[in-house]
Amino acid sequence: MFTTYHLDSAEELSVEIMDSIKASFKSKPITITVEVDQENIELTDEMKKTLDGRLLESEETYLSAKDLLKRLNNKYRV
């Protein structure tokens, strides 16, 4: 059984919604996933500064996000 709630902001999350979930699923195990609408994310000035810095990197030494994550996983065994 699936139930999806679409909210315009986290401010709309209410006790009534939580009570509705409890009533619907009772003692059954559930998973709650929170997903941020990717189209409405605003970049902070710090994020913009980091991205602008990436644009200035040499293509010869450029490291893709995928390769960077692989190296970090190897280094920290995540």
PDB file of N, CA and C in Angstrom:
ATOM      1  N   MET A   1       0.843  -1.181   0.000  1.00  0.00           N
ATOM      2  CA  MET A   1       0.000   0.000   0.000  1.00  0.00           C
ATOM      3  C   MET A   1       0.882   1.236   0.000  1.00  0.00           C
ATOM      4  N   PHE A   2       0.573   2.177  -0.862  1.00  0.00           N
ATOM      5  CA  PHE A   2       1.328   3.417  -0.956  1.00  0.00           C
ATOM      6  C   PHE A   2       0.410   4.609  -0.738  1.00  0.00           C
ATOM      7  N   THR A   3       0.909   5.586  -0.063  1.00  0.00           N
ATOM      8  CA  THR A   3       0.218   6.857   0.097  1.00  0.00           C
ATOM      9  C   THR A   3       1.251   7.946  -0.136  1.00  0.00           C
ATOM     10  N   THR A   4       0.910   8.916  -0.955  1.00  0.00           N
ATOM     11  CA  THR A   4       1.829  10.001  -1.254  1.00  0.00           C
ATOM     12  C   THR A   4       1.206  11.318  -0.834  1.00  0.00           C
ATOM     13  N   TYR A   5       1.979  12.117  -0.130  1.00  0.00           N
ATOM     14  CA  TYR A   5       1.557  13.454   0.262  1.00  0.00           C
ATOM     15  C   TYR A   5       2.454  14.441  -0.457  1.00  0.00           C
ATOM     16  N   HIS A   6       1.869  15.390  -1.166  1.00  0.00           N
ATOM     17  CA  HIS A   6       2.641  16.436  -1.839  1.00  0.00           C
ATOM     18  C   HIS A   6       2.409  17.732  -1.080  1.00  0.00           C
ATOM     19  N   LEU A   7       3.472  18.282  -0.540  1.00  0.00           N
ATOM     20  CA  LEU A   7       3.381  19.511   0.241  1.00  0.00           C
ATOM     21  C   LEU A   7       4.179  20.610  -0.437  1.00  0.00           C
ATOM     22  N   ASP A   8       3.703  21.842  -0.339  1.00  0.00           N
ATOM     23  CA  ASP A   8       4.435  22.976  -0.907  1.00  0.00           C
ATOM     24  C   ASP A   8       5.645  23.340  -0.063  1.00  0.00           C
ATOM     25  N   SER A   9       5.612  22.997   1.218  1.00  0.00           N
ATOM     26  CA  SER A   9       6.760  23.226   2.091  1.00  0.00           C
ATOM     27  C   SER A   9       6.625  22.333   3.318  1.00  0.00           C
ATOM     28  N   ALA A  10       7.711  22.186   4.038  1.00  0.00           N
ATOM     29  CA  ALA A  10       7.694  21.386   5.259  1.00  0.00           C
ATOM     30  C   ALA A  10       6.777  22.003   6.308  1.00  0.00           C
ATOM     31  N   GLU A  11       6.511  23.292   6.174  1.00  0.00           N
ATOM     32  CA  GLU A  11       5.615  23.973   7.113  1.00  0.00           C
ATOM     33  C   GLU A  11       4.209  23.378   7.081  1.00  0.00           C
ATOM     34  N   GLU A  12       3.839  22.745   5.972  1.00  0.00           N
ATOM     35  CA  GLU A  12       2.508  22.157   5.843  1.00  0.00           C
ATOM     36  C   GLU A  12       2.381  20.804   6.543  1.00  0.00           C
ATOM     37  N   LEU A  13       3.487  20.231   6.958  1.00  0.00           N
ATOM     38  CA  LEU A  13       3.448  18.957   7.658  1.00  0.00           C
ATOM     39  C   LEU A  13       2.785  19.176   9.007  1.00  0.00           C
ATOM     40  N   SER A  14       1.707  18.461   9.249  1.00  0.00           N
ATOM     41  CA  SER A  14       0.924  18.720  10.450  1.00  0.00           C
ATOM     42  C   SER A  14       0.710  17.452  11.269  1.00  0.00           C
ATOM     43  N   VAL A  15       0.227  17.649  12.458  1.00  0.00           N
ATOM     44  CA  VAL A  15      -0.133  16.535  13.338  1.00  0.00           C
ATOM     45  C   VAL A  15      -1.237  15.713  12.685  1.00  0.00           C
ATOM     46  N   GLU A  16      -2.141  16.378  11.970  1.00  0.00           N
ATOM     47  CA  GLU A  16      -3.240  15.662  11.307  1.00  0.00           C
ATOM     48  C   GLU A  16      -2.711  14.681  10.250  1.00  0.00           C
ATOM     49  N   ILE A  17      -1.686  15.090   9.512  1.00  0.00           N
ATOM     50  CA  ILE A  17      -1.092  14.186   8.514  1.00  0.00           C
ATOM     51  C   ILE A  17      -0.450  12.995   9.212  1.00  0.00           C
ATOM     52  N   MET A  18       0.283  13.259  10.283  1.00  0.00           N
ATOM     53  CA  MET A  18       0.916  12.167  11.028  1.00  0.00           C
ATOM     54  C   MET A  18      -0.144  11.223  11.604  1.00  0.00           C
ATOM     55  N   ASP A  19      -1.220  11.787  12.128  1.00  0.00           N
ATOM     56  CA  ASP A  19      -2.307  10.957  12.664  1.00  0.00           C
ATOM     57  C   ASP A  19      -2.950  10.122  11.566  1.00  0.00           C
ATOM     58  N   SER A  20      -3.068  10.690  10.371  1.00  0.00           N
ATOM     59  CA  SER A  20      -3.631   9.960   9.239  1.00  0.00           C
ATOM     60  C   SER A  20      -2.735   8.779   8.855  1.00  0.00           C
ATOM     61  N   ILE A  21      -1.434   9.001   8.864  1.00  0.00           N
ATOM     62  CA  ILE A  21      -0.491   7.919   8.561  1.00  0.00           C
ATOM     63  C   ILE A  21      -0.604   6.821   9.613  1.00  0.00           C
ATOM     64  N   LYS A  22      -0.646   7.216  10.866  1.00  0.00           N
ATOM     65  CA  LYS A  22      -0.777   6.231  11.955  1.00  0.00           C
ATOM     66  C   LYS A  22      -2.065   5.436  11.821  1.00  0.00           C
ATOM     67  N   ALA A  23      -3.160   6.111  11.491  1.00  0.00           N
ATOM     68  CA  ALA A  23      -4.448   5.426  11.359  1.00  0.00           C
ATOM     69  C   ALA A  23      -4.458   4.480  10.157  1.00  0.00           C
ATOM     70  N   SER A  24      -3.807   4.893   9.078  1.00  0.00           N
ATOM     71  CA  SER A  24      -3.802   4.073   7.862  1.00  0.00           C
ATOM     72  C   SER A  24      -2.947   2.823   7.990  1.00  0.00           C
ATOM     73  N   PHE A  25      -1.814   2.945   8.650  1.00  0.00           N
ATOM     74  CA  PHE A  25      -0.858   1.844   8.663  1.00  0.00           C
ATOM     75  C   PHE A  25      -0.770   1.126  10.004  1.00  0.00           C
ATOM     76  N   LYS A  26      -1.380   1.684  11.023  1.00  0.00           N
ATOM     77  CA  LYS A  26      -1.440   1.103  12.366  1.00  0.00           C
ATOM     78  C   LYS A  26      -0.086   0.551  12.807  1.00  0.00           C
ATOM     79  N   SER A  27       0.013  -0.727  13.092  1.00  0.00           N
ATOM     80  CA  SER A  27       1.263  -1.294  13.626  1.00  0.00           C
ATOM     81  C   SER A  27       2.172  -1.876  12.540  1.00  0.00           C
ATOM     82  N   LYS A  28       1.820  -1.653  11.276  1.00  0.00           N
ATOM     83  CA  LYS A  28       2.641  -2.169  10.174  1.00  0.00           C
ATOM     84  C   LYS A  28       3.938  -1.359  10.073  1.00  0.00           C
ATOM     85  N   PRO A  29       5.035  -2.004   9.702  1.00  0.00           N
ATOM     86  CA  PRO A  29       6.272  -1.238   9.491  1.00  0.00           C
ATOM     87  C   PRO A  29       6.114  -0.323   8.278  1.00  0.00           C
ATOM     88  N   ILE A  30       6.636   0.887   8.368  1.00  0.00           N
ATOM     89  CA  ILE A  30       6.562   1.842   7.254  1.00  0.00           C
ATOM     90  C   ILE A  30       7.932   2.481   7.045  1.00  0.00           C
ATOM     91  N   THR A  31       8.091   3.067   5.886  1.00  0.00           N
ATOM     92  CA  THR A  31       9.275   3.851   5.563  1.00  0.00           C
ATOM     93  C   THR A  31       8.794   5.220   5.117  1.00  0.00           C
ATOM     94  N   ILE A  32       9.383   6.258   5.666  1.00  0.00           N
ATOM     95  CA  ILE A  32       9.040   7.621   5.261  1.00  0.00           C
ATOM     96  C   ILE A  32      10.241   8.193   4.519  1.00  0.00           C
ATOM     97  N   THR A  33      10.012   8.618   3.289  1.00  0.00           N
ATOM     98  CA  THR A  33      11.058   9.194   2.458  1.00  0.00           C
ATOM     99  C   THR A  33      10.710  10.644   2.177  1.00  0.00           C
ATOM    100  N   VAL A  34      11.659  11.532   2.389  1.00  0.00           N
ATOM    101  CA  VAL A  34      11.448  12.948   2.096  1.00  0.00           C
ATOM    102  C   VAL A  34      12.255  13.284   0.854  1.00  0.00           C
ATOM    103  N   GLU A  35      11.586  13.834  -0.140  1.00  0.00           N
ATOM    104  CA  GLU A  35      12.229  14.175  -1.402  1.00  0.00           C
ATOM    105  C   GLU A  35      12.048  15.666  -1.653  1.00  0.00           C
ATOM    106  N   VAL A  36      13.125  16.350  -1.918  1.00  0.00           N
ATOM    107  CA  VAL A  36      13.069  17.775  -2.205  1.00  0.00           C
ATOM    108  C   VAL A  36      12.835  17.960  -3.694  1.00  0.00           C
ATOM    109  N   ASP A  37      11.925  18.858  -4.029  1.00  0.00           N
ATOM    110  CA  ASP A  37      11.663  19.187  -5.426  1.00  0.00           C
ATOM    111  C   ASP A  37      12.915  19.817  -6.021  1.00  0.00           C
ATOM    112  N   GLN A  38      13.606  19.103  -6.884  1.00  0.00           N
ATOM    113  CA  GLN A  38      14.889  19.543  -7.434  1.00  0.00           C
ATOM    114  C   GLN A  38      14.773  20.782  -8.316  1.00  0.00           C
ATOM    115  N   GLU A  39      13.593  21.078  -8.820  1.00  0.00           N
ATOM    116  CA  GLU A  39      13.439  22.214  -9.711  1.00  0.00           C
ATOM    117  C   GLU A  39      13.428  23.546  -8.959  1.00  0.00           C
ATOM    118  N   ASN A  40      13.182  23.508  -7.665  1.00  0.00           N
ATOM    119  CA  ASN A  40      13.039  24.756  -6.920  1.00  0.00           C
ATOM    120  C   ASN A  40      14.166  25.004  -5.924  1.00  0.00           C
ATOM    121  N   ILE A  41      15.276  24.311  -6.067  1.00  0.00           N
ATOM    122  CA  ILE A  41      16.394  24.513  -5.160  1.00  0.00           C
ATOM    123  C   ILE A  41      17.120  25.799  -5.535  1.00  0.00           C
ATOM    124  N   GLU A  42      17.366  26.639  -4.536  1.00  0.00           N
ATOM    125  CA  GLU A  42      18.116  27.868  -4.770  1.00  0.00           C
ATOM    126  C   GLU A  42      19.540  27.678  -4.270  1.00  0.00           C
ATOM    127  N   LEU A  43      20.491  28.084  -5.089  1.00  0.00           N
ATOM    128  CA  LEU A  43      21.896  27.963  -4.713  1.00  0.00           C
ATOM    129  C   LEU A  43      22.284  29.104  -3.786  1.00  0.00           C
ATOM    130  N   THR A  44      23.049  28.765  -2.754  1.00  0.00           N
ATOM    131  CA  THR A  44      23.575  29.799  -1.875  1.00  0.00           C
ATOM    132  C   THR A  44      24.759  30.462  -2.566  1.00  0.00           C
ATOM    133  N   ASP A  45      25.189  31.595  -2.034  1.00  0.00           N
ATOM    134  CA  ASP A  45      26.359  32.275  -2.602  1.00  0.00           C
ATOM    135  C   ASP A  45      27.596  31.382  -2.529  1.00  0.00           C
ATOM    136  N   GLU A  46      27.712  30.615  -1.437  1.00  0.00           N
ATOM    137  CA  GLU A  46      28.857  29.705  -1.285  1.00  0.00           C
ATOM    138  C   GLU A  46      28.818  28.606  -2.346  1.00  0.00           C
ATOM    139  N   MET A  47      27.629  28.071  -2.634  1.00  0.00           N
ATOM    140  CA  MET A  47      27.495  27.045  -3.678  1.00  0.00           C
ATOM    141  C   MET A  47      27.888  27.615  -5.039  1.00  0.00           C
ATOM    142  N   LYS A  48      27.417  28.836  -5.318  1.00  0.00           N
ATOM    143  CA  LYS A  48      27.743  29.480  -6.591  1.00  0.00           C
ATOM    144  C   LYS A  48      29.244  29.712  -6.719  1.00  0.00           C
ATOM    145  N   LYS A  49      29.877  30.124  -5.620  1.00  0.00           N
ATOM    146  CA  LYS A  49      31.320  30.358  -5.624  1.00  0.00           C
ATOM    147  C   LYS A  49      32.074  29.063  -5.935  1.00  0.00           C
ATOM    148  N   THR A  50      31.640  27.949  -5.318  1.00  0.00           N
ATOM    149  CA  THR A  50      32.265  26.659  -5.563  1.00  0.00           C
ATOM    150  C   THR A  50      32.101  26.243  -7.017  1.00  0.00           C
ATOM    151  N   LEU A  51      30.907  26.402  -7.559  1.00  0.00           N
ATOM    152  CA  LEU A  51      30.663  26.030  -8.955  1.00  0.00           C
ATOM    153  C   LEU A  51      31.451  26.912  -9.915  1.00  0.00           C
ATOM    154  N   ASP A  52      31.522  28.204  -9.616  1.00  0.00           N
ATOM    155  CA  ASP A  52      32.317  29.094 -10.458  1.00  0.00           C
ATOM    156  C   ASP A  52      33.789  28.678 -10.446  1.00  0.00           C
ATOM    157  N   GLY A  53      34.279  28.249  -9.284  1.00  0.00           N
ATOM    158  CA  GLY A  53      35.655  27.762  -9.187  1.00  0.00           C
ATOM    159  C   GLY A  53      35.877  26.525 -10.035  1.00  0.00           C
ATOM    160  N   ARG A  54      34.866  25.649 -10.059  1.00  0.00           N
ATOM    161  CA  ARG A  54      34.981  24.437 -10.887  1.00  0.00           C
ATOM    162  C   ARG A  54      35.083  24.783 -12.364  1.00  0.00           C
ATOM    163  N   LEU A  55      34.375  25.838 -12.775  1.00  0.00           N
ATOM    164  CA  LEU A  55      34.421  26.242 -14.184  1.00  0.00           C
ATOM    165  C   LEU A  55      35.809  26.720 -14.595  1.00  0.00           C
ATOM    166  N   LEU A  56      36.579  27.199 -13.643  1.00  0.00           N
ATOM    167  CA  LEU A  56      37.915  27.716 -13.939  1.00  0.00           C
ATOM    168  C   LEU A  56      38.986  26.621 -13.957  1.00  0.00           C
ATOM    169  N   GLU A  57      38.630  25.405 -13.546  1.00  0.00           N
ATOM    170  CA  GLU A  57      39.608  24.318 -13.519  1.00  0.00           C
ATOM    171  C   GLU A  57      40.022  23.915 -14.922  1.00  0.00           C
ATOM    172  N   SER A  58      41.255  23.496 -15.037  1.00  0.00           N
ATOM    173  CA  SER A  58      41.783  23.031 -16.310  1.00  0.00           C
ATOM    174  C   SER A  58      41.089  21.724 -16.706  1.00  0.00           C
ATOM    175  N   GLU A  59      40.762  21.619 -17.979  1.00  0.00           N
ATOM    176  CA  GLU A  59      40.134  20.385 -18.457  1.00  0.00           C
ATOM    177  C   GLU A  59      41.074  19.188 -18.337  1.00  0.00           C
ATOM    178  N   GLU A  60      42.375  19.448 -18.337  1.00  0.00           N
ATOM    179  CA  GLU A  60      43.354  18.367 -18.226  1.00  0.00           C
ATOM    180  C   GLU A  60      43.332  17.726 -16.840  1.00  0.00           C
ATOM    181  N   THR A  61      43.016  18.496 -15.827  1.00  0.00           N
ATOM    182  CA  THR A  61      43.007  17.969 -14.457  1.00  0.00           C
ATOM    183  C   THR A  61      41.598  17.821 -13.907  1.00  0.00           C
ATOM    184  N   TYR A  62      40.599  18.086 -14.743  1.00  0.00           N
ATOM    185  CA  TYR A  62      39.202  18.020 -14.307  1.00  0.00           C
ATOM    186  C   TYR A  62      38.851  16.609 -13.842  1.00  0.00           C
ATOM    187  N   LEU A  63      38.126  16.525 -12.756  1.00  0.00           N
ATOM    188  CA  LEU A  63      37.682  15.251 -12.205  1.00  0.00           C
ATOM    189  C   LEU A  63      36.158  15.263 -12.157  1.00  0.00           C
ATOM    190  N   SER A  64      35.526  14.320 -12.819  1.00  0.00           N
ATOM    191  CA  SER A  64      34.062  14.291 -12.838  1.00  0.00           C
ATOM    192  C   SER A  64      33.532  13.960 -11.441  1.00  0.00           C
ATOM    193  N   ALA A  65      32.282  14.290 -11.213  1.00  0.00           N
ATOM    194  CA  ALA A  65      31.652  13.994  -9.928  1.00  0.00           C
ATOM    195  C   ALA A  65      31.670  12.485  -9.657  1.00  0.00           C
ATOM    196  N   LYS A  66      31.441  11.692 -10.694  1.00  0.00           N
ATOM    197  CA  LYS A  66      31.441  10.236 -10.537  1.00  0.00           C
ATOM    198  C   LYS A  66      32.820   9.737 -10.098  1.00  0.00           C
ATOM    199  N   ASP A  67      33.856  10.227 -10.756  1.00  0.00           N
ATOM    200  CA  ASP A  67      35.214   9.816 -10.394  1.00  0.00           C
ATOM    201  C   ASP A  67      35.597  10.312  -8.998  1.00  0.00           C
ATOM    202  N   LEU A  68      35.177  11.525  -8.663  1.00  0.00           N
ATOM    203  CA  LEU A  68      35.460  12.064  -7.342  1.00  0.00           C
ATOM    204  C   LEU A  68      34.809  11.211  -6.254  1.00  0.00           C
ATOM    205  N   LEU A  69      33.547  10.849  -6.461  1.00  0.00           N
ATOM    206  CA  LEU A  69      32.857  10.010  -5.473  1.00  0.00           C
ATOM    207  C   LEU A  69      33.521   8.645  -5.337  1.00  0.00           C
ATOM    208  N   LYS A  70      33.979   8.094  -6.460  1.00  0.00           N
ATOM    209  CA  LYS A  70      34.673   6.809  -6.420  1.00  0.00           C
ATOM    210  C   LYS A  70      35.950   6.911  -5.591  1.00  0.00           C
ATOM    211  N   ARG A  71      36.714   7.995  -5.806  1.00  0.00           N
ATOM    212  CA  ARG A  71      37.954   8.192  -5.046  1.00  0.00           C
ATOM    213  C   ARG A  71      37.673   8.398  -3.560  1.00  0.00           C
ATOM    214  N   LEU A  72      36.620   9.165  -3.244  1.00  0.00           N
ATOM    215  CA  LEU A  72      36.265   9.379  -1.841  1.00  0.00           C
ATOM    216  C   LEU A  72      35.818   8.075  -1.177  1.00  0.00           C
ATOM    217  N   ASN A  73      35.048   7.282  -1.904  1.00  0.00           N
ATOM    218  CA  ASN A  73      34.619   5.986  -1.370  1.00  0.00           C
ATOM    219  C   ASN A  73      35.814   5.085  -1.089  1.00  0.00           C
ATOM    220  N   ASN A  74      36.761   5.064  -2.013  1.00  0.00           N
ATOM    221  CA  ASN A  74      37.962   4.261  -1.818  1.00  0.00           C
ATOM    222  C   ASN A  74      38.784   4.755  -0.634  1.00  0.00           C
ATOM    223  N   LYS A  75      38.894   6.074  -0.515  1.00  0.00           N
ATOM    224  CA  LYS A  75      39.700   6.639   0.557  1.00  0.00           C
ATOM    225  C   LYS A  75      39.069   6.415   1.926  1.00  0.00           C
ATOM    226  N   TYR A  76      37.766   6.619   2.029  1.00  0.00           N
ATOM    227  CA  TYR A  76      37.112   6.560   3.334  1.00  0.00           C
ATOM    228  C   TYR A  76      36.302   5.274   3.529  1.00  0.00           C
ATOM    229  N   ARG A  77      36.331   4.402   2.535  1.00  0.00           N
ATOM    230  CA  ARG A  77      35.623   3.110   2.607  1.00  0.00           C
ATOM    231  C   ARG A  77      34.157   3.300   2.979  1.00  0.00           C
ATOM    232  N   VAL A  78      33.511   4.222   2.286  1.00  0.00           N
ATOM    233  CA  VAL A  78      32.102   4.511   2.556  1.00  0.00           C
ATOM    234  C   VAL A  78      31.227   3.567   1.777  1.00  0.00           C
TER     235      VAL A  78
END
